[in-house]
């Protein structure tokens, strides 16, 4: 049971890190243009990359800050990327399912 609790905590953390305006917009666009269930992993990875790029570029555009690369050699960065991957997987799957159910052709 302890392993199940850890997995559920990881999934909750991923959902919470994506459940903001930026993450929901990225997930909505990904679910909208995704052609089928077989491409969900590709679109999840692409959404995560877009999220990380947006986090890096947004302070430069909005506040004139210096462009800084993400700390790719640190473990907390990769933990956050893992959270984002799981969160986007959940949200894109739900949005794609809703799209399939509501927009039947």
Protein backbone atom coordinates (compact mmCIF):
# COMPACT_ATOMS: atom_id res chain seq x y z
CA UNK A 1 0.00 0.00 0.00
CA UNK A 2 2.91 2.33 0.66
CA UNK A 3 4.02 2.13 -2.97
CA UNK A 4 0.50 2.90 -4.18
CA UNK A 5 0.38 5.96 -1.91
CA UNK A 6 3.70 7.19 -3.31
CA UNK A 7 2.49 6.75 -6.89
CA UNK A 8 -0.75 8.58 -6.13
CA UNK A 9 1.17 11.41 -4.45
CA UNK A 10 3.39 11.70 -7.52
CA UNK A 11 0.32 11.84 -9.77
CA UNK A 12 -1.31 14.48 -7.54
CA UNK A 13 1.84 16.60 -7.60
CA UNK A 14 1.97 16.35 -11.39
CA UNK A 15 -1.67 17.30 -11.75
CA UNK A 16 -1.22 20.25 -9.39
CA UNK A 17 1.84 21.54 -11.25
CA UNK A 18 -0.06 21.56 -14.55
CA UNK A 19 -3.36 22.78 -13.13
CA UNK A 20 -2.76 26.49 -13.77
CA UNK A 21 -3.66 28.76 -16.66
CA UNK A 22 -0.43 28.15 -18.56
CA UNK A 23 -0.59 24.38 -18.17
CA UNK A 24 -4.27 24.15 -19.04
CA UNK A 25 -3.84 26.21 -22.21
CA UNK A 26 -0.92 24.04 -23.33
CA UNK A 27 -2.85 20.84 -22.54
CA UNK A 28 -5.99 22.12 -24.30
CA UNK A 29 -4.07 22.91 -27.49
CA UNK A 30 -2.28 19.55 -27.35
CA UNK A 31 -5.56 17.68 -26.89
CA UNK A 32 -7.16 19.68 -29.67
CA UNK A 33 -4.52 18.87 -32.29
CA UNK A 34 -3.73 15.31 -31.15
CA UNK A 35 -4.89 12.90 -33.89
CA UNK A 36 -5.36 9.74 -31.81
CA UNK A 37 -4.61 7.85 -28.63
CA UNK A 38 -1.46 6.32 -30.11
CA UNK A 39 0.24 9.76 -30.09
CA UNK A 40 -0.47 10.69 -26.47
CA UNK A 41 3.11 10.11 -25.26
CA UNK A 42 4.54 12.30 -28.01
CA UNK A 43 2.11 15.12 -27.27
CA UNK A 44 2.74 14.77 -23.52
CA UNK A 45 6.49 15.15 -24.06
CA UNK A 46 5.96 18.07 -26.44
CA UNK A 47 3.64 19.81 -23.97
CA UNK A 48 6.24 19.39 -21.23
CA UNK A 49 8.96 20.88 -23.42
CA UNK A 50 6.69 23.82 -24.32
CA UNK A 51 5.95 24.35 -20.62
CA UNK A 52 9.66 24.42 -19.69
CA UNK A 53 10.48 26.76 -22.59
CA UNK A 54 7.63 29.06 -21.59
CA UNK A 55 8.89 29.12 -18.00
CA UNK A 56 12.33 30.15 -19.25
CA UNK A 57 11.20 32.75 -21.80
CA UNK A 58 8.31 34.38 -19.93
CA UNK A 59 10.45 36.41 -17.46
CA UNK A 60 12.51 37.70 -20.39
CA UNK A 61 9.46 38.82 -22.34
CA UNK A 62 7.38 40.23 -19.51
CA UNK A 63 9.99 41.72 -17.21
CA UNK A 64 13.08 42.21 -19.30
CA UNK A 65 15.08 39.76 -17.22
CA UNK A 66 18.20 38.11 -18.52
CA UNK A 67 17.75 34.83 -20.38
CA UNK A 68 18.76 31.96 -18.09
CA UNK A 69 18.82 28.31 -19.02
CA UNK A 70 16.99 25.89 -16.75
CA UNK A 71 19.14 24.05 -14.18
CA UNK A 72 19.29 20.78 -16.13
CA UNK A 73 22.02 19.30 -13.92
CA UNK A 74 20.00 19.48 -10.73
CA UNK A 75 17.69 16.75 -9.44
CA UNK A 76 14.80 19.09 -8.43
CA UNK A 77 14.53 20.28 -12.04
CA UNK A 78 14.11 16.72 -13.31
CA UNK A 79 11.66 15.92 -10.53
CA UNK A 80 9.56 18.89 -11.68
CA UNK A 81 9.82 17.69 -15.29
CA UNK A 82 8.58 14.29 -14.13
CA UNK A 83 5.67 15.95 -12.35
CA UNK A 84 4.86 17.88 -15.52
CA UNK A 85 4.99 14.74 -17.66
CA UNK A 86 2.55 12.88 -15.41
CA UNK A 87 0.30 15.91 -15.08
CA UNK A 88 0.16 16.52 -18.81
CA UNK A 89 -0.48 12.83 -19.45
CA UNK A 90 -3.51 12.94 -17.16
CA UNK A 91 -4.92 16.25 -18.36
CA UNK A 92 -4.35 15.66 -22.08
CA UNK A 93 -5.97 12.23 -21.78
CA UNK A 94 -9.04 13.68 -20.06
CA UNK A 95 -9.36 16.57 -22.51
CA UNK A 96 -8.86 14.27 -25.49
CA UNK A 97 -11.52 11.91 -24.14
CA UNK A 98 -13.92 14.84 -23.77
CA UNK A 99 -13.09 15.98 -27.28
CA UNK A 100 -13.81 12.50 -28.65
CA UNK A 101 -17.11 12.28 -26.79
CA UNK A 102 -18.36 15.79 -27.60
CA UNK A 103 -17.10 16.25 -31.16
CA UNK A 104 -18.08 12.98 -32.78
CA UNK A 105 -18.15 13.20 -36.55
